[in-house]
């Protein structure tokens, strides 16, 4: 089975920084894209950033210039460096990966359990 385990969430003051990590483990044959989504109370889950296997990245307009996604393919790990945090960044952040296990012939989406990020003074 595959597990995506996030870490690094917490409480931070406005203007502060946090770095999230997500490690994928299990019987993984190949990972395509890895990314981060978030869901605030009463809102739908939204894409924050994606790191594609070819090296390109994609960001939501609301986080461009403040957040940076990076990836360590050797460790099957994706990171999200969040700077200049705002109260509106408060949400549960979820890791997502499109990957294929050794027993699969196609890529499927997997999700982490989520980590809470709270930006408040």
PDB file of N, CA and C in Angstrom:
ATOM      1  N   UNK A   1       0.830  -1.182   0.000  1.00  0.00           N
ATOM      2  CA  UNK A   1       0.000   0.000   0.000  1.00  0.00           C
ATOM      3  C   UNK A   1       0.872   1.243   0.000  1.00  0.00           C
ATOM      4  N   UNK A   2       0.261   2.354  -0.330  1.00  0.00           N
ATOM      5  CA  UNK A   2       0.959   3.633  -0.408  1.00  0.00           C
ATOM      6  C   UNK A   2       0.483   4.540   0.711  1.00  0.00           C
ATOM      7  N   UNK A   3       1.429   5.243   1.296  1.00  0.00           N
ATOM      8  CA  UNK A   3       1.100   6.251   2.310  1.00  0.00           C
ATOM      9  C   UNK A   3       1.749   7.565   1.949  1.00  0.00           C
ATOM     10  N   UNK A   4       0.997   8.659   2.141  1.00  0.00           N
ATOM     11  CA  UNK A   4       1.539  10.005   2.029  1.00  0.00           C
ATOM     12  C   UNK A   4       1.415  10.624   3.411  1.00  0.00           C
ATOM     13  N   UNK A   5       2.537  10.982   3.984  1.00  0.00           N
ATOM     14  CA  UNK A   5       2.551  11.504   5.347  1.00  0.00           C
ATOM     15  C   UNK A   5       3.071  12.935   5.334  1.00  0.00           C
ATOM     16  N   UNK A   6       2.207  13.856   5.780  1.00  0.00           N
ATOM     17  CA  UNK A   6       2.575  15.264   5.830  1.00  0.00           C
ATOM     18  C   UNK A   6       3.106  15.627   7.206  1.00  0.00           C
ATOM     19  N   UNK A   7       3.903  16.672   7.241  1.00  0.00           N
ATOM     20  CA  UNK A   7       4.379  17.228   8.500  1.00  0.00           C
ATOM     21  C   UNK A   7       4.713  18.701   8.287  1.00  0.00           C
ATOM     22  N   UNK A   8       4.828  19.429   9.397  1.00  0.00           N
ATOM     23  CA  UNK A   8       5.278  20.811   9.324  1.00  0.00           C
ATOM     24  C   UNK A   8       4.221  21.864   9.554  1.00  0.00           C
ATOM     25  N   UNK A   9       2.972  21.454   9.720  1.00  0.00           N
ATOM     26  CA  UNK A   9       1.928  22.446   9.976  1.00  0.00           C
ATOM     27  C   UNK A   9       2.046  23.020  11.380  1.00  0.00           C
ATOM     28  N   UNK A  10       1.232  24.033  11.648  1.00  0.00           N
ATOM     29  CA  UNK A  10       1.249  24.633  12.979  1.00  0.00           C
ATOM     30  C   UNK A  10       0.650  26.013  12.981  1.00  0.00           C
ATOM     31  N   UNK A  11       0.899  26.713  14.075  1.00  0.00           N
ATOM     32  CA  UNK A  11       0.397  28.074  14.272  1.00  0.00           C
ATOM     33  C   UNK A  11       1.535  29.062  14.021  1.00  0.00           C
ATOM     34  N   UNK A  12       1.262  30.071  13.210  1.00  0.00           N
ATOM     35  CA  UNK A  12       2.279  31.065  12.896  1.00  0.00           C
ATOM     36  C   UNK A  12       1.614  32.438  12.818  1.00  0.00           C
ATOM     37  N   UNK A  13       2.370  33.462  13.135  1.00  0.00           N
ATOM     38  CA  UNK A  13       1.841  34.824  13.069  1.00  0.00           C
ATOM     39  C   UNK A  13       1.825  35.318  11.619  1.00  0.00           C
ATOM     40  N   UNK A  14       0.953  36.264  11.314  1.00  0.00           N
ATOM     41  CA  UNK A  14       0.963  36.851   9.960  1.00  0.00           C
ATOM     42  C   UNK A  14       2.343  37.377   9.613  1.00  0.00           C
ATOM     43  N   UNK A  15       2.753  37.104   8.385  1.00  0.00           N
ATOM     44  CA  UNK A  15       4.081  37.478   7.936  1.00  0.00           C
ATOM     45  C   UNK A  15       5.139  36.427   8.181  1.00  0.00           C
ATOM     46  N   UNK A  16       4.784  35.396   8.920  1.00  0.00           N
ATOM     47  CA  UNK A  16       5.734  34.348   9.245  1.00  0.00           C
ATOM     48  C   UNK A  16       5.861  33.308   8.143  1.00  0.00           C
ATOM     49  N   UNK A  17       6.629  32.267   8.438  1.00  0.00           N
ATOM     50  CA  UNK A  17       6.917  31.212   7.469  1.00  0.00           C
ATOM     51  C   UNK A  17       6.715  29.837   8.089  1.00  0.00           C
ATOM     52  N   UNK A  18       6.377  28.908   7.228  1.00  0.00           N
ATOM     53  CA  UNK A  18       6.302  27.497   7.586  1.00  0.00           C
ATOM     54  C   UNK A  18       6.759  26.676   6.386  1.00  0.00           C
ATOM     55  N   UNK A  19       7.283  25.487   6.660  1.00  0.00           N
ATOM     56  CA  UNK A  19       7.643  24.580   5.580  1.00  0.00           C
ATOM     57  C   UNK A  19       6.961  23.242   5.804  1.00  0.00           C
ATOM     58  N   UNK A  20       6.154  22.842   4.849  1.00  0.00           N
ATOM     59  CA  UNK A  20       5.467  21.558   4.902  1.00  0.00           C
ATOM     60  C   UNK A  20       6.268  20.512   4.134  1.00  0.00           C
ATOM     61  N   UNK A  21       6.186  19.287   4.622  1.00  0.00           N
ATOM     62  CA  UNK A  21       6.822  18.163   3.940  1.00  0.00           C
ATOM     63  C   UNK A  21       5.796  17.058   3.744  1.00  0.00           C
ATOM     64  N   UNK A  22       5.979  16.300   2.681  1.00  0.00           N
ATOM     65  CA  UNK A  22       5.113  15.146   2.414  1.00  0.00           C
ATOM     66  C   UNK A  22       5.961  14.045   1.815  1.00  0.00           C
ATOM     67  N   UNK A  23       6.012  12.926   2.518  1.00  0.00           N
ATOM     68  CA  UNK A  23       6.800  11.789   2.056  1.00  0.00           C
ATOM     69  C   UNK A  23       5.875  10.659   1.626  1.00  0.00           C
ATOM     70  N   UNK A  24       6.110  10.168   0.430  1.00  0.00           N
ATOM     71  CA  UNK A  24       5.345   9.030  -0.088  1.00  0.00           C
ATOM     72  C   UNK A  24       6.146   7.757   0.144  1.00  0.00           C
ATOM     73  N   UNK A  25       5.461   6.742   0.633  1.00  0.00           N
ATOM     74  CA  UNK A  25       6.142   5.477   0.891  1.00  0.00           C
ATOM     75  C   UNK A  25       5.253   4.308   0.480  1.00  0.00           C
ATOM     76  N   UNK A  26       5.883   3.158   0.328  1.00  0.00           N
ATOM     77  CA  UNK A  26       5.140   1.976  -0.068  1.00  0.00           C
ATOM     78  C   UNK A  26       5.711   1.378  -1.332  1.00  0.00           C
ATOM     79  N   UNK A  27       4.896   0.581  -1.990  1.00  0.00           N
ATOM     80  CA  UNK A  27       5.323  -0.135  -3.183  1.00  0.00           C
ATOM     81  C   UNK A  27       5.171   0.751  -4.426  1.00  0.00           C
ATOM     82  N   UNK A  28       5.990   1.793  -4.487  1.00  0.00           N
ATOM     83  CA  UNK A  28       5.881   2.796  -5.535  1.00  0.00           C
ATOM     84  C   UNK A  28       6.787   2.477  -6.703  1.00  0.00           C
ATOM     85  N   UNK A  29       6.207   2.429  -7.896  1.00  0.00           N
ATOM     86  CA  UNK A  29       6.981   2.206  -9.111  1.00  0.00           C
ATOM     87  C   UNK A  29       7.415   3.535  -9.721  1.00  0.00           C
ATOM     88  N   UNK A  30       6.487   4.471  -9.782  1.00  0.00           N
ATOM     89  CA  UNK A  30       6.806   5.764 -10.398  1.00  0.00           C
ATOM     90  C   UNK A  30       5.831   6.827  -9.899  1.00  0.00           C
ATOM     91  N   UNK A  31       6.352   8.046  -9.732  1.00  0.00           N
ATOM     92  CA  UNK A  31       5.513   9.174  -9.346  1.00  0.00           C
ATOM     93  C   UNK A  31       5.516  10.203 -10.464  1.00  0.00           C
ATOM     94  N   UNK A  32       4.342  10.650 -10.837  1.00  0.00           N
ATOM     95  CA  UNK A  32       4.240  11.693 -11.849  1.00  0.00           C
ATOM     96  C   UNK A  32       4.278  13.043 -11.136  1.00  0.00           C
ATOM     97  N   UNK A  33       3.155  13.656 -10.930  1.00  0.00           N
ATOM     98  CA  UNK A  33       3.168  14.949 -10.256  1.00  0.00           C
ATOM     99  C   UNK A  33       2.864  14.796  -8.772  1.00  0.00           C
ATOM    100  N   UNK A  34       3.385  15.735  -8.001  1.00  0.00           N
ATOM    101  CA  UNK A  34       3.098  15.828  -6.572  1.00  0.00           C
ATOM    102  C   UNK A  34       2.701  17.266  -6.277  1.00  0.00           C
ATOM    103  N   UNK A  35       1.791  17.436  -5.351  1.00  0.00           N
ATOM    104  CA  UNK A  35       1.356  18.796  -5.097  1.00  0.00           C
ATOM    105  C   UNK A  35       0.674  18.967  -3.762  1.00  0.00           C
ATOM    106  N   UNK A  36       0.212  20.183  -3.561  1.00  0.00           N
ATOM    107  CA  UNK A  36      -0.461  20.564  -2.325  1.00  0.00           C
ATOM    108  C   UNK A  36      -1.805  21.213  -2.647  1.00  0.00           C
ATOM    109  N   UNK A  37      -2.786  20.818  -1.860  1.00  0.00           N
ATOM    110  CA  UNK A  37      -4.106  21.431  -1.889  1.00  0.00           C
ATOM    111  C   UNK A  37      -4.402  21.944  -0.486  1.00  0.00           C
ATOM    112  N   UNK A  38      -5.397  22.789  -0.363  1.00  0.00           N
ATOM    113  CA  UNK A  38      -5.828  23.231   0.954  1.00  0.00           C
ATOM    114  C   UNK A  38      -7.342  23.395   0.988  1.00  0.00           C
ATOM    115  N   UNK A  39      -7.862  23.272   2.197  1.00  0.00           N
ATOM    116  CA  UNK A  39      -9.295  23.442   2.398  1.00  0.00           C
ATOM    117  C   UNK A  39      -9.537  24.223   3.674  1.00  0.00           C
ATOM    118  N   UNK A  40     -10.123  25.385   3.512  1.00  0.00           N
ATOM    119  CA  UNK A  40     -10.486  26.219   4.657  1.00  0.00           C
ATOM    120  C   UNK A  40     -11.901  25.868   5.096  1.00  0.00           C
ATOM    121  N   UNK A  41     -12.250  26.152   6.337  1.00  0.00           N
ATOM    122  CA  UNK A  41     -13.600  25.847   6.822  1.00  0.00           C
ATOM    123  C   UNK A  41     -14.674  26.471   5.949  1.00  0.00           C
ATOM    124  N   UNK A  42     -15.629  25.669   5.536  1.00  0.00           N
ATOM    125  CA  UNK A  42     -16.729  26.157   4.730  1.00  0.00           C
ATOM    126  C   UNK A  42     -16.410  26.383   3.277  1.00  0.00           C
ATOM    127  N   UNK A  43     -15.199  26.022   2.872  1.00  0.00           N
ATOM    128  CA  UNK A  43     -14.804  26.239   1.476  1.00  0.00           C
ATOM    129  C   UNK A  43     -14.416  24.919   0.819  1.00  0.00           C
ATOM    130  N   UNK A  44     -14.382  24.927  -0.504  1.00  0.00           N
ATOM    131  CA  UNK A  44     -13.970  23.741  -1.229  1.00  0.00           C
ATOM    132  C   UNK A  44     -12.449  23.618  -1.225  1.00  0.00           C
ATOM    133  N   UNK A  45     -12.012  22.389  -1.406  1.00  0.00           N
ATOM    134  CA  UNK A  45     -10.572  22.152  -1.499  1.00  0.00           C
ATOM    135  C   UNK A  45     -10.053  22.809  -2.778  1.00  0.00           C
ATOM    136  N   UNK A  46      -8.901  23.482  -2.661  1.00  0.00           N
ATOM    137  CA  UNK A  46      -8.340  24.179  -3.814  1.00  0.00           C
ATOM    138  C   UNK A  46      -6.875  23.820  -4.006  1.00  0.00           C
ATOM    139  N   UNK A  47      -6.453  23.895  -5.251  1.00  0.00           N
ATOM    140  CA  UNK A  47      -5.059  23.626  -5.575  1.00  0.00           C
ATOM    141  C   UNK A  47      -4.187  24.783  -5.093  1.00  0.00           C
ATOM    142  N   UNK A  48      -3.067  24.440  -4.468  1.00  0.00           N
ATOM    143  CA  UNK A  48      -2.099  25.449  -4.035  1.00  0.00           C
ATOM    144  C   UNK A  48      -0.901  25.458  -4.986  1.00  0.00           C
ATOM    145  N   UNK A  49      -0.289  24.304  -5.182  1.00  0.00           N
ATOM    146  CA  UNK A  49       0.892  24.226  -6.033  1.00  0.00           C
ATOM    147  C   UNK A  49       1.106  22.790  -6.481  1.00  0.00           C
ATOM    148  N   UNK A  50       1.705  22.647  -7.660  1.00  0.00           N
ATOM    149  CA  UNK A  50       2.011  21.335  -8.218  1.00  0.00           C
ATOM    150  C   UNK A  50       3.439  21.312  -8.728  1.00  0.00           C
ATOM    151  N   UNK A  51       4.112  20.178  -8.497  1.00  0.00           N
ATOM    152  CA  UNK A  51       5.439  19.938  -9.058  1.00  0.00           C
ATOM    153  C   UNK A  51       5.323  18.762 -10.017  1.00  0.00           C
ATOM    154  N   UNK A  52       5.601  19.010 -11.295  1.00  0.00           N
ATOM    155  CA  UNK A  52       5.474  17.973 -12.300  1.00  0.00           C
ATOM    156  C   UNK A  52       6.788  17.209 -12.448  1.00  0.00           C
ATOM    157  N   UNK A  53       6.671  15.991 -12.938  1.00  0.00           N
ATOM    158  CA  UNK A  53       7.849  15.128 -13.026  1.00  0.00           C
ATOM    159  C   UNK A  53       8.922  15.711 -13.928  1.00  0.00           C
ATOM    160  N   UNK A  54       8.545  16.528 -14.898  1.00  0.00           N
ATOM    161  CA  UNK A  54       9.531  17.133 -15.792  1.00  0.00           C
ATOM    162  C   UNK A  54      10.258  18.318 -15.211  1.00  0.00           C
ATOM    163  N   UNK A  55       9.831  18.742 -14.024  1.00  0.00           N
ATOM    164  CA  UNK A  55      10.497  19.842 -13.350  1.00  0.00           C
ATOM    165  C   UNK A  55       9.710  21.134 -13.296  1.00  0.00           C
ATOM    166  N   UNK A  56       8.658  21.227 -14.074  1.00  0.00           N
ATOM    167  CA  UNK A  56       7.876  22.453 -14.060  1.00  0.00           C
ATOM    168  C   UNK A  56       6.985  22.500 -12.824  1.00  0.00           C
ATOM    169  N   UNK A  57       6.538  23.708 -12.504  1.00  0.00           N
ATOM    170  CA  UNK A  57       5.676  23.916 -11.344  1.00  0.00           C
ATOM    171  C   UNK A  57       4.491  24.797 -11.724  1.00  0.00           C
ATOM    172  N   UNK A  58       3.480  24.745 -10.869  1.00  0.00           N
ATOM    173  CA  UNK A  58       2.288  25.533 -11.092  1.00  0.00           C
ATOM    174  C   UNK A  58       1.786  26.014  -9.735  1.00  0.00           C
ATOM    175  N   UNK A  59       1.327  27.270  -9.682  1.00  0.00           N
ATOM    176  CA  UNK A  59       0.874  27.855  -8.418  1.00  0.00           C
ATOM    177  C   UNK A  59      -0.487  28.518  -8.589  1.00  0.00           C
ATOM    178  N   UNK A  60      -1.254  28.491  -7.523  1.00  0.00           N
ATOM    179  CA  UNK A  60      -2.468  29.296  -7.475  1.00  0.00           C
ATOM    180  C   UNK A  60      -2.069  30.768  -7.438  1.00  0.00           C
ATOM    181  N   UNK A  61      -2.859  31.614  -8.047  1.00  0.00           N
ATOM    182  CA  UNK A  61      -2.530  33.041  -8.096  1.00  0.00           C
ATOM    183  C   UNK A  61      -2.380  33.630  -6.691  1.00  0.00           C
ATOM    184  N   UNK A  62      -3.159  33.107  -5.756  1.00  0.00           N
ATOM    185  CA  UNK A  62      -3.165  33.659  -4.408  1.00  0.00           C
ATOM    186  C   UNK A  62      -1.864  33.414  -3.642  1.00  0.00           C
ATOM    187  N   UNK A  63      -1.037  32.480  -4.118  1.00  0.00           N
ATOM    188  CA  UNK A  63       0.199  32.169  -3.393  1.00  0.00           C
ATOM    189  C   UNK A  63       1.454  32.465  -4.204  1.00  0.00           C
ATOM    190  N   UNK A  64       1.307  32.888  -5.441  1.00  0.00           N
ATOM    191  CA  UNK A  64       2.470  33.174  -6.284  1.00  0.00           C
ATOM    192  C   UNK A  64       3.339  34.243  -5.643  1.00  0.00           C
ATOM    193  N   UNK A  65       4.639  33.979  -5.634  1.00  0.00           N
ATOM    194  CA  UNK A  65       5.582  34.913  -5.048  1.00  0.00           C
ATOM    195  C   UNK A  65       5.785  34.732  -3.559  1.00  0.00           C
ATOM    196  N   UNK A  66       4.922  33.940  -2.921  1.00  0.00           N
ATOM    197  CA  UNK A  66       5.035  33.714  -1.471  1.00  0.00           C
ATOM    198  C   UNK A  66       5.361  32.255  -1.147  1.00  0.00           C
ATOM    199  N   UNK A  67       4.817  31.337  -1.914  1.00  0.00           N
ATOM    200  CA  UNK A  67       5.025  29.914  -1.672  1.00  0.00           C
ATOM    201  C   UNK A  67       5.948  29.335  -2.738  1.00  0.00           C
ATOM    202  N   UNK A  68       6.744  28.349  -2.334  1.00  0.00           N
ATOM    203  CA  UNK A  68       7.620  27.649  -3.269  1.00  0.00           C
ATOM    204  C   UNK A  68       7.497  26.150  -3.060  1.00  0.00           C
ATOM    205  N   UNK A  69       7.199  25.432  -4.135  1.00  0.00           N
ATOM    206  CA  UNK A  69       7.135  23.975  -4.068  1.00  0.00           C
ATOM    207  C   UNK A  69       8.441  23.398  -4.587  1.00  0.00           C
ATOM    208  N   UNK A  70       8.919  22.374  -3.921  1.00  0.00           N
ATOM    209  CA  UNK A  70      10.128  21.692  -4.358  1.00  0.00           C
ATOM    210  C   UNK A  70       9.978  20.204  -4.110  1.00  0.00           C
ATOM    211  N   UNK A  71      10.912  19.444  -4.658  1.00  0.00           N
ATOM    212  CA  UNK A  71      10.727  18.000  -4.651  1.00  0.00           C
ATOM    213  C   UNK A  71      12.079  17.306  -4.589  1.00  0.00           C
ATOM    214  N   UNK A  72      12.133  16.237  -3.806  1.00  0.00           N
ATOM    215  CA  UNK A  72      13.303  15.373  -3.752  1.00  0.00           C
ATOM    216  C   UNK A  72      12.870  14.016  -4.274  1.00  0.00           C
ATOM    217  N   UNK A  73      13.160  13.742  -5.528  1.00  0.00           N
ATOM    218  CA  UNK A  73      12.690  12.500  -6.144  1.00  0.00           C
ATOM    219  C   UNK A  73      13.316  11.267  -5.509  1.00  0.00           C
ATOM    220  N   UNK A  74      14.530  11.400  -5.035  1.00  0.00           N
ATOM    221  CA  UNK A  74      15.198  10.253  -4.402  1.00  0.00           C
ATOM    222  C   UNK A  74      14.492   9.832  -3.126  1.00  0.00           C
ATOM    223  N   UNK A  75      13.840  10.804  -2.478  1.00  0.00           N
ATOM    224  CA  UNK A  75      13.145  10.525  -1.220  1.00  0.00           C
ATOM    225  C   UNK A  75      11.634  10.461  -1.397  1.00  0.00           C
ATOM    226  N   UNK A  76      11.159  10.595  -2.639  1.00  0.00           N
ATOM    227  CA  UNK A  76       9.705  10.629  -2.896  1.00  0.00           C
ATOM    228  C   UNK A  76       9.022  11.648  -1.999  1.00  0.00           C
ATOM    229  N   UNK A  77       9.641  12.803  -1.879  1.00  0.00           N
ATOM    230  CA  UNK A  77       9.158  13.816  -0.941  1.00  0.00           C
ATOM    231  C   UNK A  77       8.946  15.149  -1.667  1.00  0.00           C
ATOM    232  N   UNK A  78       7.859  15.811  -1.312  1.00  0.00           N
ATOM    233  CA  UNK A  78       7.575  17.138  -1.837  1.00  0.00           C
ATOM    234  C   UNK A  78       7.468  18.104  -0.660  1.00  0.00           C
ATOM    235  N   UNK A  79       7.923  19.319  -0.890  1.00  0.00           N
ATOM    236  CA  UNK A  79       7.943  20.343   0.145  1.00  0.00           C
ATOM    237  C   UNK A  79       7.132  21.564  -0.315  1.00  0.00           C
ATOM    238  N   UNK A  80       6.657  22.319   0.664  1.00  0.00           N
ATOM    239  CA  UNK A  80       6.009  23.589   0.365  1.00  0.00           C
ATOM    240  C   UNK A  80       6.543  24.621   1.357  1.00  0.00           C
ATOM    241  N   UNK A  81       7.384  25.516   0.857  1.00  0.00           N
ATOM    242  CA  UNK A  81       7.888  26.611   1.670  1.00  0.00           C
ATOM    243  C   UNK A  81       6.898  27.758   1.561  1.00  0.00           C
ATOM    244  N   UNK A  82       6.357  28.149   2.706  1.00  0.00           N
ATOM    245  CA  UNK A  82       5.339  29.193   2.733  1.00  0.00           C
ATOM    246  C   UNK A  82       5.880  30.401   3.482  1.00  0.00           C
ATOM    247  N   UNK A  83       6.022  31.509   2.775  1.00  0.00           N
ATOM    248  CA  UNK A  83       6.514  32.752   3.356  1.00  0.00           C
ATOM    249  C   UNK A  83       5.426  33.817   3.321  1.00  0.00           C
ATOM    250  N   UNK A  84       5.627  34.866   4.081  1.00  0.00           N
ATOM    251  CA  UNK A  84       4.679  35.992   4.123  1.00  0.00           C
ATOM    252  C   UNK A  84       3.250  35.499   4.301  1.00  0.00           C
ATOM    253  N   UNK A  85       3.073  34.618   5.261  1.00  0.00           N
ATOM    254  CA  UNK A  85       1.760  34.006   5.458  1.00  0.00           C
ATOM    255  C   UNK A  85       0.724  35.031   5.899  1.00  0.00           C
ATOM    256  N   UNK A  86      -0.502  34.806   5.433  1.00  0.00           N
ATOM    257  CA  UNK A  86      -1.629  35.684   5.727  1.00  0.00           C
ATOM    258  C   UNK A  86      -2.717  34.884   6.446  1.00  0.00           C
ATOM    259  N   UNK A  87      -3.570  35.544   7.189  1.00  0.00           N
ATOM    260  CA  UNK A  87      -4.671  34.817   7.851  1.00  0.00           C
ATOM    261  C   UNK A  87      -5.508  34.002   6.866  1.00  0.00           C
ATOM    262  N   UNK A  88      -5.655  34.483   5.654  1.00  0.00           N
ATOM    263  CA  UNK A  88      -6.448  33.755   4.665  1.00  0.00           C
ATOM    264  C   UNK A  88      -5.761  32.491   4.146  1.00  0.00           C
ATOM    265  N   UNK A  89      -4.527  32.266   4.551  1.00  0.00           N
ATOM    266  CA  UNK A  89      -3.847  31.010   4.225  1.00  0.00           C
ATOM    267  C   UNK A  89      -4.214  29.900   5.211  1.00  0.00           C
ATOM    268  N   UNK A  90      -4.940  30.243   6.248  1.00  0.00           N
ATOM    269  CA  UNK A  90      -5.356  29.264   7.243  1.00  0.00           C
ATOM    270  C   UNK A  90      -6.235  28.196   6.597  1.00  0.00           C
ATOM    271  N   UNK A  91      -5.828  26.944   6.763  1.00  0.00           N
ATOM    272  CA  UNK A  91      -6.549  25.827   6.142  1.00  0.00           C
ATOM    273  C   UNK A  91      -5.880  24.521   6.553  1.00  0.00           C
ATOM    274  N   UNK A  92      -6.539  23.428   6.214  1.00  0.00           N
ATOM    275  CA  UNK A  92      -5.890  22.123   6.268  1.00  0.00           C
ATOM    276  C   UNK A  92      -5.221  21.911   4.913  1.00  0.00           C
ATOM    277  N   UNK A  93      -3.947  21.625   4.941  1.00  0.00           N
ATOM    278  CA  UNK A  93      -3.173  21.424   3.721  1.00  0.00           C
ATOM    279  C   UNK A  93      -3.000  19.924   3.469  1.00  0.00           C
ATOM    280  N   UNK A  94      -3.320  19.522   2.251  1.00  0.00           N
ATOM    281  CA  UNK A  94      -3.266  18.122   1.866  1.00  0.00           C
ATOM    282  C   UNK A  94      -2.225  17.906   0.775  1.00  0.00           C
ATOM    283  N   UNK A  95      -1.458  16.847   0.948  1.00  0.00           N
ATOM    284  CA  UNK A  95      -0.514  16.421  -0.072  1.00  0.00           C
ATOM    285  C   UNK A  95      -1.235  15.507  -1.060  1.00  0.00           C
ATOM    286  N   UNK A  96      -0.866  15.632  -2.322  1.00  0.00           N
ATOM    287  CA  UNK A  96      -1.460  14.816  -3.374  1.00  0.00           C
ATOM    288  C   UNK A  96      -0.355  14.314  -4.293  1.00  0.00           C
ATOM    289  N   UNK A  97      -0.484  13.071  -4.725  1.00  0.00           N
ATOM    290  CA  UNK A  97       0.501  12.530  -5.668  1.00  0.00           C
ATOM    291  C   UNK A  97      -0.205  11.631  -6.671  1.00  0.00           C
ATOM    292  N   UNK A  98       0.183  11.745  -7.917  1.00  0.00           N
ATOM    293  CA  UNK A  98      -0.270  10.816  -8.947  1.00  0.00           C
ATOM    294  C   UNK A  98       0.859   9.825  -9.168  1.00  0.00           C
ATOM    295  N   UNK A  99       0.611   8.586  -8.778  1.00  0.00           N
ATOM    296  CA  UNK A  99       1.679   7.613  -8.831  1.00  0.00           C
ATOM    297  C   UNK A  99       1.161   6.254  -9.259  1.00  0.00           C
ATOM    298  N   UNK A 100       2.133   5.405  -9.565  1.00  0.00           N
ATOM    299  CA  UNK A 100       1.817   4.042  -9.980  1.00  0.00           C
ATOM    300  C   UNK A 100       2.594   3.103  -9.069  1.00  0.00           C
ATOM    301  N   UNK A 101       1.912   2.103  -8.537  1.00  0.00           N
ATOM    302  CA  UNK A 101       2.582   1.095  -7.738  1.00  0.00           C
ATOM    303  C   UNK A 101       3.058  -0.041  -8.649  1.00  0.00           C
ATOM    304  N   UNK A 102       3.814  -0.952  -8.081  1.00  0.00           N
ATOM    305  CA  UNK A 102       4.341  -2.068  -8.861  1.00  0.00           C
ATOM    306  C   UNK A 102       3.227  -2.980  -9.365  1.00  0.00           C
ATOM    307  N   UNK A 103       2.084  -2.960  -8.681  1.00  0.00           N
ATOM    308  CA  UNK A 103       0.979  -3.837  -9.081  1.00  0.00           C
ATOM    309  C   UNK A 103      -0.043  -3.148  -9.988  1.00  0.00           C
ATOM    310  N   UNK A 104       0.199  -1.901 -10.309  1.00  0.00           N
ATOM    311  CA  UNK A 104      -0.747  -1.160 -11.134  1.00  0.00           C
ATOM    312  C   UNK A 104      -0.178  -0.914 -12.528  1.00  0.00           C
ATOM    313  N   UNK A 105      -1.072  -0.705 -13.486  1.00  0.00           N
ATOM    314  CA  UNK A 105      -0.658  -0.389 -14.847  1.00  0.00           C
ATOM    315  C   UNK A 105      -0.999   1.043 -15.235  1.00  0.00           C
ATOM    316  N   UNK A 106      -1.548   1.775 -14.285  1.00  0.00           N
ATOM    317  CA  UNK A 106      -1.894   3.173 -14.543  1.00  0.00           C
ATOM    318  C   UNK A 106      -1.566   4.004 -13.311  1.00  0.00           C
ATOM    319  N   UNK A 107      -1.591   5.317 -13.490  1.00  0.00           N
ATOM    320  CA  UNK A 107      -1.338   6.236 -12.393  1.00  0.00           C
ATOM    321  C   UNK A 107      -2.654   6.593 -11.711  1.00  0.00           C
ATOM    322  N   UNK A 108      -2.610   6.659 -10.399  1.00  0.00           N
ATOM    323  CA  UNK A 108      -3.787   7.006  -9.615  1.00  0.00           C
ATOM    324  C   UNK A 108      -3.432   8.093  -8.620  1.00  0.00           C
ATOM    325  N   UNK A 109      -4.458   8.827  -8.170  1.00  0.00           N
ATOM    326  CA  UNK A 109      -4.255   9.901  -7.200  1.00  0.00           C
ATOM    327  C   UNK A 109      -4.300   9.359  -5.781  1.00  0.00           C
ATOM    328  N   UNK A 110      -3.352   9.797  -4.983  1.00  0.00           N
ATOM    329  CA  UNK A 110      -3.301   9.447  -3.566  1.00  0.00           C
ATOM    330  C   UNK A 110      -3.232  10.737  -2.746  1.00  0.00           C
ATOM    331  N   UNK A 111      -3.787  10.657  -1.528  1.00  0.00           N
ATOM    332  CA  UNK A 111      -3.871  11.837  -0.674  1.00  0.00           C
ATOM    333  C   UNK A 111      -3.271  11.556   0.697  1.00  0.00           C
ATOM    334  N   UNK A 112      -2.686  12.586   1.285  1.00  0.00           N
ATOM    335  CA  UNK A 112      -2.271  12.515   2.661  1.00  0.00           C
ATOM    336  C   UNK A 112      -3.437  12.809   3.586  1.00  0.00           C
ATOM    337  N   UNK A 113      -3.176  12.744   4.884  1.00  0.00           N
ATOM    338  CA  UNK A 113      -4.245  12.918   5.866  1.00  0.00           C
ATOM    339  C   UNK A 113      -4.514  14.381   6.174  1.00  0.00           C
ATOM    340  N   UNK A 114      -3.631  15.250   5.770  1.00  0.00           N
ATOM    341  CA  UNK A 114      -3.802  16.683   5.982  1.00  0.00           C
ATOM    342  C   UNK A 114      -3.053  17.179   7.204  1.00  0.00           C
ATOM    343  N   UNK A 115      -2.604  18.424   7.123  1.00  0.00           N
ATOM    344  CA  UNK A 115      -1.941  19.067   8.255  1.00  0.00           C
ATOM    345  C   UNK A 115      -2.490  20.486   8.387  1.00  0.00           C
ATOM    346  N   UNK A 116      -2.786  20.872   9.616  1.00  0.00           N
ATOM    347  CA  UNK A 116      -3.419  22.174   9.855  1.00  0.00           C
ATOM    348  C   UNK A 116      -2.377  23.287   9.845  1.00  0.00           C
ATOM    349  N   UNK A 117      -2.679  24.333   9.115  1.00  0.00           N
ATOM    350  CA  UNK A 117      -1.892  25.567   9.132  1.00  0.00           C
ATOM    351  C   UNK A 117      -2.804  26.690   9.593  1.00  0.00           C
ATOM    352  N   UNK A 118      -2.422  27.347  10.668  1.00  0.00           N
ATOM    353  CA  UNK A 118      -3.207  28.452  11.206  1.00  0.00           C
ATOM    354  C   UNK A 118      -2.335  29.694  11.265  1.00  0.00           C
ATOM    355  N   UNK A 119      -2.807  30.757  10.628  1.00  0.00           N
ATOM    356  CA  UNK A 119      -2.081  32.028  10.611  1.00  0.00           C
ATOM    357  C   UNK A 119      -2.893  33.033  11.413  1.00  0.00           C
ATOM    358  N   UNK A 120      -2.378  33.379  12.572  1.00  0.00           N
ATOM    359  CA  UNK A 120      -3.132  34.244  13.478  1.00  0.00           C
ATOM    360  C   UNK A 120      -2.184  34.935  14.442  1.00  0.00           C
ATOM    361  N   UNK A 121      -2.561  36.149  14.832  1.00  0.00           N
ATOM    362  CA  UNK A 121      -1.775  36.855  15.826  1.00  0.00           C
ATOM    363  C   UNK A 121      -2.354  36.623  17.213  1.00  0.00           C
TER     364      UNK A 121
END
